[in-house]
Protein backbone atom coordinates (compact mmCIF):
# COMPACT_ATOMS: atom_id res chain seq x y z
CA MET A 1 -215.58 -44.71 -186.27
CA LYS A 2 -214.00 -48.02 -187.24
CA ILE A 3 -214.47 -50.92 -184.84
CA ARG A 4 -212.31 -54.02 -184.94
CA LEU A 5 -214.13 -57.08 -183.56
CA TYR A 6 -212.33 -60.09 -182.17
CA PRO A 7 -213.99 -63.45 -181.41
CA PRO A 8 -216.60 -64.09 -180.18
CA PHE A 9 -217.92 -60.67 -181.27
CA SER A 10 -216.78 -61.05 -184.88
CA GLU A 11 -218.51 -64.44 -185.05
CA GLU A 12 -221.77 -63.10 -183.62
CA ILE A 13 -221.85 -60.04 -185.89
CA GLY A 14 -220.45 -61.92 -188.89
CA LYS A 15 -217.73 -59.33 -189.59
CA ASN A 16 -214.26 -58.46 -188.35
CA TRP A 17 -214.79 -54.72 -188.92
CA VAL A 18 -217.88 -52.50 -188.51
CA GLN A 19 -218.44 -48.75 -188.50
CA ILE A 20 -220.55 -46.42 -186.39
CA SER A 21 -220.89 -42.71 -187.13
CA ILE A 22 -220.84 -40.34 -184.20
CA LYS A 23 -220.89 -36.56 -184.09
CA GLY A 24 -218.18 -34.83 -182.14
CA THR A 25 -216.73 -36.52 -179.11
CA ILE A 26 -218.54 -38.87 -176.73
CA THR A 27 -217.49 -40.74 -173.62
CA THR A 28 -216.65 -44.41 -173.72
CA LYS A 29 -219.74 -44.94 -171.55
CA GLN A 30 -221.92 -43.37 -174.27
CA PHE A 31 -220.11 -45.44 -176.89
CA VAL A 32 -220.92 -48.66 -175.00
CA PHE A 33 -224.63 -47.74 -175.02
CA LEU A 34 -224.36 -47.20 -178.81
CA LEU A 35 -222.82 -50.66 -179.19
CA PHE A 36 -225.76 -52.23 -177.38
CA LYS A 37 -228.18 -50.26 -179.57
CA HIS A 38 -226.51 -51.05 -182.92
CA PHE A 39 -225.51 -54.62 -182.16
CA PRO A 40 -228.16 -56.47 -180.10
CA ALA A 41 -225.86 -59.54 -179.96
CA PHE A 42 -223.72 -57.58 -177.48
CA GLU A 43 -226.57 -57.55 -174.94
CA LYS A 44 -225.48 -60.85 -173.42
CA TYR A 45 -222.22 -59.14 -172.36
CA ARG A 46 -224.11 -56.38 -170.54
CA SER A 47 -224.74 -56.14 -166.82
CA SER A 48 -228.31 -56.68 -165.62
CA ASP A 49 -228.14 -53.18 -164.07
CA THR A 50 -229.68 -50.94 -166.74
CA GLU A 51 -228.32 -47.75 -165.13
CA ASP A 52 -224.72 -48.89 -165.39
CA PRO A 53 -223.24 -49.92 -168.74
CA PHE A 54 -220.99 -52.44 -167.04
CA TYR A 55 -219.94 -54.87 -169.71
CA HIS A 56 -217.88 -58.01 -170.05
CA PHE A 57 -215.52 -56.95 -172.83
CA LEU A 58 -212.49 -54.71 -173.27
CA LEU A 59 -212.25 -51.65 -175.49
CA PHE A 60 -208.86 -50.59 -176.84
CA ARG A 61 -207.68 -47.53 -178.75
CA ASP A 62 -204.05 -47.48 -179.89
CA ASP A 63 -203.28 -50.49 -177.66
CA ALA A 64 -204.55 -48.68 -174.53
CA ILE A 65 -207.59 -49.83 -172.57
CA LEU A 66 -210.42 -47.30 -172.61
CA ARG A 67 -212.06 -46.32 -169.32
CA LEU A 68 -215.72 -45.24 -169.13
CA GLU A 69 -214.75 -41.60 -168.63
CA ASP A 70 -212.38 -41.50 -171.64
CA THR A 71 -213.62 -39.85 -174.82
CA VAL A 72 -213.77 -41.22 -178.36
CA SER A 73 -214.44 -39.56 -181.70
CA ASP A 74 -215.53 -40.55 -185.19
CA GLN A 75 -211.88 -40.66 -186.35
CA ASP A 76 -210.91 -43.33 -183.78
CA THR A 77 -210.38 -47.02 -184.41
CA ILE A 78 -211.58 -49.09 -181.46
CA SER A 79 -210.88 -52.78 -180.86
CA ILE A 80 -213.26 -54.98 -178.86
CA THR A 81 -212.25 -58.27 -177.24
CA LEU A 82 -213.03 -60.38 -174.20
CA PRO A 83 -210.95 -59.85 -171.05
CA LEU A 84 -207.93 -62.13 -170.81
CA THR A 85 -208.17 -64.81 -168.16
CA GLY A 86 -206.16 -67.74 -167.05
CA GLY A 87 -203.20 -68.48 -164.92
């Protein structure tokens, strides 16, 4: 799976693109846990509740926001960015 990182994630990891291999299809919730495992720098965007992978970033596939119950596969390209804020 290809993962496109936008700032600040790209700055913390030191790359704009990374890859993770997964077998079959997994939920976005499982994917988020993999991100925390493979990229410890993401931990500061994680909720303090260890049961819930609540996170402070957005995941996109094909310009659509991924929900925790959506599924992803090794052929997907996922983009990660911070939520947009402002007024």
